C-alpha atoms as a PDB file:
ATOM      1  CA  MET A   1       0.557  22.466 -11.846  1.00  0.00           C
ATOM      2  CA  ASP A   2      -2.947  21.844 -10.442  1.00  0.00           C
ATOM      3  CA  LEU A   3      -3.985  18.223 -10.217  1.00  0.00           C
ATOM      4  CA  LYS A   4      -7.565  17.028 -10.131  1.00  0.00           C
ATOM      5  CA  PRO A   5      -8.999  16.312  -6.670  1.00  0.00           C
ATOM      6  CA  TYR A   6     -11.240  13.336  -6.005  1.00  0.00           C
ATOM      7  CA  THR A   7     -13.863  12.545  -3.396  1.00  0.00           C
ATOM      8  CA  VAL A   8     -13.495   9.582  -1.039  1.00  0.00           C
ATOM      9  CA  HIS A   9     -16.564   7.380  -0.804  1.00  0.00           C
ATOM     10  CA  SER A  10     -17.495   6.161   2.658  1.00  0.00           C
ATOM     11  CA  GLN A  11     -18.240   2.550   1.714  1.00  0.00           C
ATOM     12  CA  PRO A  12     -15.880  -0.091   0.260  1.00  0.00           C
ATOM     13  CA  ALA A  13     -16.300  -1.447  -3.244  1.00  0.00           C
ATOM     14  CA  ASP A  14     -19.082  -3.969  -3.793  1.00  0.00           C
ATOM     15  CA  LEU A  15     -16.557  -6.663  -4.644  1.00  0.00           C
ATOM     16  CA  HIS A  16     -15.221  -6.403  -1.107  1.00  0.00           C
ATOM     17  CA  SER A  17     -18.609  -7.458   0.255  1.00  0.00           C
ATOM     18  CA  LEU A  18     -17.793 -11.005  -0.860  1.00  0.00           C
ATOM     19  CA  PRO A  19     -15.460 -12.227   1.914  1.00  0.00           C
ATOM     20  CA  THR A  20     -15.512 -15.782   0.533  1.00  0.00           C
ATOM     21  CA  ALA A  21     -14.101 -14.696  -2.846  1.00  0.00           C
ATOM     22  CA  GLN A  22     -10.802 -16.272  -3.821  1.00  0.00           C
ATOM     23  CA  PRO A  23      -7.896 -14.137  -2.604  1.00  0.00           C
ATOM     24  CA  LEU A  24      -5.772 -12.428  -5.210  1.00  0.00           C
ATOM     25  CA  VAL A  25      -2.756 -13.293  -3.077  1.00  0.00           C
ATOM     26  CA  GLU A  26      -2.404 -15.101   0.221  1.00  0.00           C
ATOM     27  CA  ALA A  27       0.618 -15.430   2.506  1.00  0.00           C
ATOM     28  CA  ARG A  28       0.430 -18.297   4.974  1.00  0.00           C
ATOM     29  CA  ASP A  29       2.677 -18.511   8.031  1.00  0.00           C
ATOM     30  CA  VAL A  30       5.570 -16.817   6.221  1.00  0.00           C
ATOM     31  CA  SER A  31       8.879 -16.014   7.870  1.00  0.00           C
ATOM     32  CA  ILE A  32      11.885 -14.241   6.352  1.00  0.00           C
ATOM     33  CA  ARG A  33      15.330 -13.815   7.853  1.00  0.00           C
ATOM     34  CA  TYR A  34      18.075 -11.549   6.497  1.00  0.00           C
ATOM     35  CA  GLY A  35      21.401 -12.542   7.960  1.00  0.00           C
ATOM     36  CA  GLY A  36      20.837 -12.910  11.672  1.00  0.00           C
ATOM     37  CA  THR A  37      17.718 -10.747  11.756  1.00  0.00           C
ATOM     38  CA  MET A  38      14.192 -12.122  11.616  1.00  0.00           C
ATOM     39  CA  VAL A  39      12.340  -9.565   9.475  1.00  0.00           C
ATOM     40  CA  LEU A  40       8.966 -11.320   9.232  1.00  0.00           C
ATOM     41  CA  GLU A  41       7.805 -14.092  11.537  1.00  0.00           C
ATOM     42  CA  HIS A  42       4.721 -16.302  11.075  1.00  0.00           C
ATOM     43  CA  VAL A  43       2.765 -13.738   9.047  1.00  0.00           C
ATOM     44  CA  ASP A  44      -0.627 -14.495   7.482  1.00  0.00           C
ATOM     45  CA  LEU A  45      -2.305 -12.122   5.027  1.00  0.00           C
ATOM     46  CA  ALA A  46      -4.934 -12.556   2.299  1.00  0.00           C
ATOM     47  CA  VAL A  47      -5.950  -9.761  -0.098  1.00  0.00           C
ATOM     48  CA  ARG A  48      -9.118  -9.796  -2.216  1.00  0.00           C
ATOM     49  CA  SER A  49     -10.459  -7.751  -5.092  1.00  0.00           C
ATOM     50  CA  GLY A  50     -11.939  -4.386  -4.206  1.00  0.00           C
ATOM     51  CA  GLU A  51     -10.316  -3.922  -0.807  1.00  0.00           C
ATOM     52  CA  VAL A  52      -7.577  -1.630   0.452  1.00  0.00           C
ATOM     53  CA  VAL A  53      -5.265  -3.167   3.046  1.00  0.00           C
ATOM     54  CA  THR A  54      -2.838  -0.866   4.843  1.00  0.00           C
ATOM     55  CA  LEU A  55       0.346  -2.042   6.548  1.00  0.00           C
ATOM     56  CA  ILE A  56       1.427   0.200   9.406  1.00  0.00           C
ATOM     57  CA  GLY A  57       4.399  -0.051  11.721  1.00  0.00           C
ATOM     58  CA  PRO A  58       7.719   1.602  12.585  1.00  0.00           C
ATOM     59  CA  ASN A  59      10.811   1.563  10.384  1.00  0.00           C
ATOM     60  CA  GLY A  60      12.213  -1.943  10.181  1.00  0.00           C
ATOM     61  CA  SER A  61       8.888  -3.567  11.029  1.00  0.00           C
ATOM     62  CA  GLY A  62       8.740  -5.579   7.793  1.00  0.00           C
ATOM     63  CA  LYS A  63       6.320  -3.516   5.704  1.00  0.00           C
ATOM     64  CA  THR A  64       8.540  -3.250   2.629  1.00  0.00           C
ATOM     65  CA  THR A  65       9.573  -6.883   2.884  1.00  0.00           C
ATOM     66  CA  LEU A  66       5.949  -8.035   3.090  1.00  0.00           C
ATOM     67  CA  ILE A  67       4.970  -5.974   0.046  1.00  0.00           C
ATOM     68  CA  ARG A  68       7.910  -7.366  -1.920  1.00  0.00           C
ATOM     69  CA  LEU A  69       6.971 -10.864  -0.775  1.00  0.00           C
ATOM     70  CA  LEU A  70       3.389 -10.487  -2.008  1.00  0.00           C
ATOM     71  CA  GLY A  71       4.744  -9.276  -5.348  1.00  0.00           C
ATOM     72  CA  GLY A  72       7.100 -12.225  -5.752  1.00  0.00           C
ATOM     73  CA  LEU A  73      10.266 -10.133  -5.437  1.00  0.00           C
ATOM     74  CA  VAL A  74      11.486 -12.092  -2.408  1.00  0.00           C
ATOM     75  CA  THR A  75      10.778 -15.638  -1.254  1.00  0.00           C
ATOM     76  CA  PRO A  76       9.997 -16.764   2.292  1.00  0.00           C
ATOM     77  CA  ASP A  77      12.333 -18.923   4.330  1.00  0.00           C
ATOM     78  CA  SER A  78       9.267 -20.772   5.560  1.00  0.00           C
ATOM     79  CA  GLY A  79       5.562 -20.667   4.840  1.00  0.00           C
ATOM     80  CA  SER A  80       3.951 -20.134   1.454  1.00  0.00           C
ATOM     81  CA  VAL A  81       2.543 -17.456  -0.855  1.00  0.00           C
ATOM     82  CA  ARG A  82      -0.256 -18.299  -3.282  1.00  0.00           C
ATOM     83  CA  ARG A  83      -1.293 -16.005  -6.125  1.00  0.00           C
ATOM     84  CA  ARG A  84      -4.398 -16.337  -8.251  1.00  0.00           C
ATOM     85  CA  ASP A  85      -3.687 -17.824 -11.667  1.00  0.00           C
ATOM     86  CA  GLY A  86      -2.893 -15.099 -14.194  1.00  0.00           C
ATOM     87  CA  LEU A  87      -2.646 -12.416 -11.495  1.00  0.00           C
ATOM     88  CA  ARG A  88      -1.320  -9.097 -12.824  1.00  0.00           C
ATOM     89  CA  ILE A  89       0.490  -6.930 -10.287  1.00  0.00           C
ATOM     90  CA  GLY A  90       1.285  -3.223 -10.398  1.00  0.00           C
ATOM     91  CA  TYR A  91       4.128  -2.314  -8.034  1.00  0.00           C
ATOM     92  CA  VAL A  92       5.129   1.175  -6.935  1.00  0.00           C
ATOM     93  CA  PRO A  93       8.267   1.079  -4.753  1.00  0.00           C
ATOM     94  CA  GLN A  94       9.349   3.852  -2.449  1.00  0.00           C
ATOM     95  CA  LYS A  95      10.387   6.871  -4.486  1.00  0.00           C
ATOM     96  CA  ALA A  96      13.254   5.843  -6.714  1.00  0.00           C
ATOM     97  CA  LYS A  97      16.304   8.012  -7.210  1.00  0.00           C
ATOM     98  CA  ILE A  98      16.611   8.757 -10.908  1.00  0.00           C
ATOM     99  CA  ARG A  99      19.923  10.077 -12.193  1.00  0.00           C
ATOM    100  CA  THR A 100      19.515  13.776 -12.855  1.00  0.00           C
ATOM    101  CA  SER A 101      22.132  13.563 -15.606  1.00  0.00           C
ATOM    102  CA  LEU A 102      19.681  11.496 -17.649  1.00  0.00           C
ATOM    103  CA  PRO A 103      17.140  13.705 -19.479  1.00  0.00           C
ATOM    104  CA  LEU A 104      13.829  11.951 -19.100  1.00  0.00           C
ATOM    105  CA  SER A 105      10.312  13.125 -19.819  1.00  0.00           C
ATOM    106  CA  VAL A 106       7.302  11.670 -18.046  1.00  0.00           C
ATOM    107  CA  ALA A 107       6.214   9.979 -21.282  1.00  0.00           C
ATOM    108  CA  ARG A 108       9.601   8.282 -21.707  1.00  0.00           C
ATOM    109  CA  PHE A 109       9.645   7.266 -18.044  1.00  0.00           C
ATOM    110  CA  LEU A 110       6.279   5.568 -18.466  1.00  0.00           C
ATOM    111  CA  ALA A 111       7.485   3.744 -21.562  1.00  0.00           C
ATOM    112  CA  LEU A 112      10.639   2.335 -19.926  1.00  0.00           C
ATOM    113  CA  GLY A 113      10.833  -1.441 -19.830  1.00  0.00           C
ATOM    114  CA  GLY A 114       7.856  -2.207 -22.009  1.00  0.00           C
ATOM    115  CA  LYS A 115       6.043  -1.743 -25.305  1.00  0.00           C
ATOM    116  CA  THR A 116       3.761   1.199 -24.596  1.00  0.00           C
ATOM    117  CA  ASP A 117       2.192   3.433 -27.218  1.00  0.00           C
ATOM    118  CA  ARG A 118       1.404   7.107 -26.826  1.00  0.00           C
ATOM    119  CA  ALA A 119      -2.336   6.538 -26.500  1.00  0.00           C
ATOM    120  CA  ALA A 120      -1.832   4.144 -23.586  1.00  0.00           C
ATOM    121  CA  VAL A 121       0.482   6.610 -21.831  1.00  0.00           C
ATOM    122  CA  GLU A 122      -1.978   9.460 -22.264  1.00  0.00           C
ATOM    123  CA  ALA A 123      -4.857   7.309 -21.014  1.00  0.00           C
ATOM    124  CA  ALA A 124      -2.926   6.252 -17.912  1.00  0.00           C
ATOM    125  CA  LEU A 125      -1.955   9.836 -17.092  1.00  0.00           C
ATOM    126  CA  ALA A 126      -5.548  10.980 -17.572  1.00  0.00           C
ATOM    127  CA  GLU A 127      -6.774   8.257 -15.243  1.00  0.00           C
ATOM    128  CA  VAL A 128      -4.612   9.583 -12.401  1.00  0.00           C
ATOM    129  CA  GLY A 129      -5.406  13.236 -13.161  1.00  0.00           C
ATOM    130  CA  ALA A 130      -1.945  14.058 -14.510  1.00  0.00           C
ATOM    131  CA  GLU A 131      -2.552  14.342 -18.254  1.00  0.00           C
ATOM    132  CA  GLY A 132      -0.774  17.703 -18.373  1.00  0.00           C
ATOM    133  CA  LEU A 133       2.525  16.171 -17.277  1.00  0.00           C
ATOM    134  CA  ARG A 134       3.310  14.027 -20.343  1.00  0.00           C
ATOM    135  CA  LYS A 135       6.058  16.313 -21.654  1.00  0.00           C
ATOM    136  CA  ALA A 136       7.339  17.436 -18.248  1.00  0.00           C
ATOM    137  CA  SER A 137      10.770  16.422 -16.975  1.00  0.00           C
ATOM    138  CA  ILE A 138      10.573  13.601 -14.470  1.00  0.00           C
ATOM    139  CA  HIS A 139      13.170  15.463 -12.395  1.00  0.00           C
ATOM    140  CA  GLY A 140      11.004  18.562 -12.003  1.00  0.00           C
ATOM    141  CA  LEU A 141       7.931  16.903 -10.525  1.00  0.00           C
ATOM    142  CA  SER A 142       6.683  17.553  -7.026  1.00  0.00           C
ATOM    143  CA  GLY A 143       6.318  14.605  -4.661  1.00  0.00           C
ATOM    144  CA  GLY A 144       2.609  14.307  -5.364  1.00  0.00           C
ATOM    145  CA  GLU A 145       3.067  14.593  -9.125  1.00  0.00           C
ATOM    146  CA  PHE A 146       5.763  11.916  -9.123  1.00  0.00           C
ATOM    147  CA  GLN A 147       3.574   9.509  -7.173  1.00  0.00           C
ATOM    148  CA  ARG A 148       0.712  10.011  -9.624  1.00  0.00           C
ATOM    149  CA  VAL A 149       3.057   9.332 -12.523  1.00  0.00           C
ATOM    150  CA  ALA A 150       4.415   6.228 -10.777  1.00  0.00           C
ATOM    151  CA  LEU A 151       0.849   5.063 -10.246  1.00  0.00           C
ATOM    152  CA  ALA A 152       0.086   5.646 -13.929  1.00  0.00           C
ATOM    153  CA  ARG A 153       3.071   3.478 -14.835  1.00  0.00           C
ATOM    154  CA  ALA A 154       1.757   0.678 -12.619  1.00  0.00           C
ATOM    155  CA  LEU A 155      -1.685   0.959 -14.238  1.00  0.00           C
ATOM    156  CA  LEU A 156      -0.176   0.364 -17.680  1.00  0.00           C
ATOM    157  CA  ARG A 157       0.160  -3.274 -16.624  1.00  0.00           C
ATOM    158  CA  ARG A 158      -3.650  -3.475 -16.223  1.00  0.00           C
ATOM    159  CA  PRO A 159      -3.159  -4.903 -12.735  1.00  0.00           C
ATOM    160  CA  ASP A 160      -5.560  -6.865 -10.572  1.00  0.00           C
ATOM    161  CA  LEU A 161      -3.472  -6.002  -7.511  1.00  0.00           C
ATOM    162  CA  LEU A 162      -1.644  -2.777  -6.656  1.00  0.00           C
ATOM    163  CA  LEU A 163       1.300  -2.888  -4.235  1.00  0.00           C
ATOM    164  CA  LEU A 164       2.248   0.603  -3.030  1.00  0.00           C
ATOM    165  CA  ASP A 165       5.240   1.018  -0.725  1.00  0.00           C
ATOM    166  CA  GLU A 166       4.954   4.297   1.212  1.00  0.00           C
ATOM    167  CA  PRO A 167       3.080   6.053  -1.632  1.00  0.00           C
ATOM    168  CA  ALA A 168       2.693   9.267   0.396  1.00  0.00           C
ATOM    169  CA  GLN A 169       6.412   9.627   1.143  1.00  0.00           C
ATOM    170  CA  GLY A 170       7.615  13.117   0.199  1.00  0.00           C
ATOM    171  CA  VAL A 171       4.065  14.325  -0.494  1.00  0.00           C
ATOM    172  CA  ASP A 172       2.564  17.307   1.343  1.00  0.00           C
ATOM    173  CA  LEU A 173      -0.587  16.959   3.437  1.00  0.00           C
ATOM    174  CA  ILE A 174      -3.024  18.090   0.743  1.00  0.00           C
ATOM    175  CA  GLY A 175      -1.264  15.910  -1.809  1.00  0.00           C
ATOM    176  CA  GLN A 176      -1.521  12.912   0.525  1.00  0.00           C
ATOM    177  CA  ALA A 177      -5.276  13.367   0.878  1.00  0.00           C
ATOM    178  CA  GLN A 178      -5.662  13.611  -2.897  1.00  0.00           C
ATOM    179  CA  LEU A 179      -3.447  10.560  -3.421  1.00  0.00           C
ATOM    180  CA  TYR A 180      -5.480   8.389  -1.058  1.00  0.00           C
ATOM    181  CA  GLN A 181      -8.665   9.627  -2.727  1.00  0.00           C
ATOM    182  CA  LEU A 182      -7.214   8.633  -6.089  1.00  0.00           C
ATOM    183  CA  ILE A 183      -6.322   5.156  -4.825  1.00  0.00           C
ATOM    184  CA  ASP A 184      -9.863   4.802  -3.488  1.00  0.00           C
ATOM    185  CA  ARG A 185     -11.348   5.762  -6.866  1.00  0.00           C
ATOM    186  CA  LEU A 186      -9.097   3.371  -8.777  1.00  0.00           C
ATOM    187  CA  ARG A 187      -9.977   0.377  -6.638  1.00  0.00           C
ATOM    188  CA  ARG A 188     -13.676   1.143  -7.117  1.00  0.00           C
ATOM    189  CA  GLU A 189     -13.602   1.707 -10.853  1.00  0.00           C
ATOM    190  CA  ARG A 190     -11.272  -1.221 -11.565  1.00  0.00           C
ATOM    191  CA  GLY A 191     -12.158  -3.553  -8.686  1.00  0.00           C
ATOM    192  CA  LEU A 192      -8.500  -3.639  -7.695  1.00  0.00           C
ATOM    193  CA  GLY A 193      -7.053  -5.133  -4.578  1.00  0.00           C
ATOM    194  CA  VAL A 194      -4.630  -2.657  -2.994  1.00  0.00           C
ATOM    195  CA  VAL A 195      -1.908  -3.168  -0.395  1.00  0.00           C
ATOM    196  CA  LEU A 196      -0.097  -0.051   0.764  1.00  0.00           C
ATOM    197  CA  SER A 197       2.295   0.756   3.583  1.00  0.00           C
ATOM    198  CA  SER A 198       2.390   3.922   5.626  1.00  0.00           C
ATOM    199  CA  HIS A 199       3.718   5.621   8.751  1.00  0.00           C
ATOM    200  CA  ASP A 200       0.718   7.965   8.774  1.00  0.00           C
ATOM    201  CA  LEU A 201      -1.942   7.264  11.376  1.00  0.00           C
ATOM    202  CA  HIS A 202      -4.614   9.740  10.327  1.00  0.00           C
ATOM    203  CA  LEU A 203      -5.212  10.171   6.599  1.00  0.00           C
ATOM    204  CA  VAL A 204      -4.394   6.584   5.782  1.00  0.00           C
ATOM    205  CA  MET A 205      -6.848   5.280   8.378  1.00  0.00           C
ATOM    206  CA  ALA A 206      -9.591   7.164   6.545  1.00  0.00           C
ATOM    207  CA  ALA A 207      -8.721   5.519   3.242  1.00  0.00           C
ATOM    208  CA  THR A 208      -8.493   1.834   4.082  1.00  0.00           C
ATOM    209  CA  ASP A 209     -10.778  -1.113   4.744  1.00  0.00           C
ATOM    210  CA  ARG A 210      -8.380  -3.209   6.780  1.00  0.00           C
ATOM    211  CA  VAL A 211      -5.287  -2.355   8.802  1.00  0.00           C
ATOM    212  CA  VAL A 212      -2.422  -4.744   9.520  1.00  0.00           C
ATOM    213  CA  CYS A 213      -0.221  -3.580  12.376  1.00  0.00           C
ATOM    214  CA  LEU A 214       3.299  -4.979  11.896  1.00  0.00           C
ATOM    215  CA  ASN A 215       6.394  -5.157  14.031  1.00  0.00           C
ATOM    216  CA  GLY A 216       8.171  -8.100  12.459  1.00  0.00           C
ATOM    217  CA  HIS A 217       5.014 -10.100  13.145  1.00  0.00           C
ATOM    218  CA  VAL A 218       1.328  -9.221  12.974  1.00  0.00           C
ATOM    219  CA  CYS A 219       0.454  -7.397  16.190  1.00  0.00           C
ATOM    220  CA  CYS A 220      -3.206  -6.913  15.297  1.00  0.00           C
ATOM    221  CA  VAL A 221      -5.439  -6.737  12.236  1.00  0.00           C
ATOM    222  CA  GLY A 222      -8.948  -5.445  11.592  1.00  0.00           C
ATOM    223  CA  THR A 223     -10.964  -2.426  10.512  1.00  0.00           C
ATOM    224  CA  PRO A 224      -9.474   1.018  11.272  1.00  0.00           C
ATOM    225  CA  ALA A 225     -11.891   1.566  14.162  1.00  0.00           C
ATOM    226  CA  SER A 226     -11.180  -1.785  15.794  1.00  0.00           C
ATOM    227  CA  VAL A 227      -7.410  -1.610  15.368  1.00  0.00           C
ATOM    228  CA  ALA A 228      -7.245   1.929  16.777  1.00  0.00           C
ATOM    229  CA  SER A 229      -8.704   0.678  20.056  1.00  0.00           C
ATOM    230  CA  ASP A 230      -6.624  -2.494  20.182  1.00  0.00           C
ATOM    231  CA  PRO A 231      -4.068  -2.699  23.042  1.00  0.00           C
ATOM    232  CA  ALA A 232      -1.350  -3.971  20.672  1.00  0.00           C
ATOM    233  CA  PHE A 233      -1.819  -0.930  18.425  1.00  0.00           C
ATOM    234  CA  ARG A 234      -1.643   1.390  21.420  1.00  0.00           C
ATOM    235  CA  ARG A 235       1.520  -0.295  22.678  1.00  0.00           C
ATOM    236  CA  LEU A 236       3.184   0.145  19.298  1.00  0.00           C
ATOM    237  CA  PHE A 237       2.220   3.764  18.626  1.00  0.00           C
ATOM    238  CA  GLY A 238       1.781   5.164  22.137  1.00  0.00           C
ATOM    239  CA  ASP A 239       0.474   8.724  22.357  1.00  0.00           C
ATOM    240  CA  ALA A 240      -0.118   8.915  18.605  1.00  0.00           C
ATOM    241  CA  ALA A 241      -2.537   5.996  18.841  1.00  0.00           C
ATOM    242  CA  ALA A 242      -4.358   7.475  21.824  1.00  0.00           C
ATOM    243  CA  ALA A 243      -4.861  10.770  19.986  1.00  0.00           C
ATOM    244  CA  LEU A 244      -6.052   9.185  16.761  1.00  0.00           C
ATOM    245  CA  ALA A 245      -9.459  10.294  15.514  1.00  0.00           C
ATOM    246  CA  VAL A 246     -10.673   7.293  13.550  1.00  0.00           C
ATOM    247  CA  TYR A 247     -12.651   7.454  10.341  1.00  0.00           C
ATOM    248  CA  ARG A 248     -15.387   4.828  10.218  1.00  0.00           C
ATOM    249  CA  HIS A 249     -16.876   3.166   7.156  1.00  0.00           C
ATOM    250  CA  ASP A 250     -20.624   2.586   6.857  1.00  0.00           C
ATOM    251  CA  PRO A 251     -21.423   0.486   9.975  1.00  0.00           C
ATOM    252  CA  THR A 252     -24.009  -1.570   8.050  1.00  0.00           C
ATOM    253  CA  HIS A 253     -21.286  -2.977   5.797  1.00  0.00           C
ATOM    254  CA  ASP A 254     -20.147  -6.504   6.656  1.00  0.00           C
ATOM    255  CA  HIS A 255     -16.366  -6.702   6.340  1.00  0.00           C
ATOM    256  CA  ALA A 256     -14.486  -9.932   6.025  1.00  0.00           C
ATOM    257  CA  HIS A 257     -12.569  -8.786   9.130  1.00  0.00           C
ATOM    258  CA  ASP A 258     -14.809  -6.599  11.231  1.00  0.00           C
ATOM    259  CA  HIS A 259     -12.858  -6.662  14.459  1.00  0.00           C
ATOM    260  CA  ALA A 260      -9.247  -6.531  15.502  1.00  0.00           C
ATOM    261  CA  HIS A 261      -7.368  -9.744  16.115  1.00  0.00           C
ATOM    262  CA  ASP A 262      -4.563  -9.360  18.653  1.00  0.00           C
ATOM    263  CA  HIS A 263      -1.539 -11.391  17.574  1.00  0.00           C
ATOM    264  CA  ALA A 264       0.718 -10.074  20.308  1.00  0.00           C
ATOM    265  CA  HIS A 265       0.447 -13.021  22.675  1.00  0.00           C
ATOM    266  CA  ASP A 266       4.058 -14.130  22.339  1.00  0.00           C
ATOM    267  CA  HIS A 267       5.679 -10.904  21.147  1.00  0.00           C
ATOM    268  CA  GLU A 268       6.100  -7.402  22.479  1.00  0.00           C
ATOM    269  CA  CYS A 269       4.629  -5.033  19.916  1.00  0.00           C
ATOM    270  CA  GLY A 270       6.014  -2.005  21.695  1.00  0.00           C
ATOM    271  CA  HIS A 271       9.622  -2.891  20.840  1.00  0.00           C
ATOM    272  CA  ASP A 272      10.957  -1.952  17.415  1.00  0.00           C
ATOM    273  CA  HIS A 273      12.753  -4.496  15.284  1.00  0.00           C
ATOM    274  CA  ALA A 274      16.193  -3.383  14.188  1.00  0.00           C
ATOM    275  CA  PRO A 275      15.942  -1.931  10.668  1.00  0.00           C
ATOM    276  CA  ASP A 276      17.781  -3.851   7.995  1.00  0.00           C
ATOM    277  CA  ARG A 277      18.837  -2.787   4.545  1.00  0.00           C
ATOM    278  CA  HIS A 278      15.891  -4.540   2.895  1.00  0.00           C
ATOM    279  CA  ASP A 279      13.260  -2.718   4.923  1.00  0.00           C
ATOM    280  CA  ARG A 280      14.509   0.849   5.127  1.00  0.00           C
ATOM    281  CA  PRO A 281      12.934   3.656   3.116  1.00  0.00           C
ATOM    282  CA  HIS A 282      14.549   3.905  -0.313  1.00  0.00           C
ATOM    283  CA  GLY A 283      14.735   7.603  -0.853  1.00  0.00           C
END
């Protein structure tokens, strides 16, 4: 089934031009240990309305754990997480495995776990360009279709903040481009803050305002252009980083973080952390 394409704008949402605005969520000096493994160590991250923040790093680098931490699904062993009063969060985990023995239409999937009427379901599907999928089986969707449906489900919560864990996983190249375009449109129309994780170093760099390079700790953070030229980023991604053609936002725009900050003084960003069961892809 054909899904509607969208056009990426080259400049972040106006709300993002207010770097002093109160963060939607802010992690301060957080560390998390699972068993004997330090998964996140002394991590700081603040997310504001209207910006897209992308977490990149190898498997086991702490991306999933950090997203779950921001959403309140895990608690830090040290440090703190502050959320704006009344903050509504829409969370899309890595693609869930749904039992194929359970007949489930898209409409019923969207209605699971909450009081949702048909009009709300149809509106959410229309907003993500998937209105024709309401009666389709959830098991028969392509990767891109499923991610749009999962996004529609998150939007039913009328979120201020979207947390998307590997949203492009299992989606073909064209579908990935359309998905990132959709995320860009949603943050503009709704003024959402968005945090997403990715292994991709090309498409995702063209669809984000700020990049956080993780390897258990923050190696570097900044705009896509600044991070791509940062030594810590190059150590972590090697040849892939050197070959990266970076998309640049409007250079006249003043970002809250307009250059990369290298956090690799006491850590080696080129060494992978051992993956643990809490930070592996889920499907």
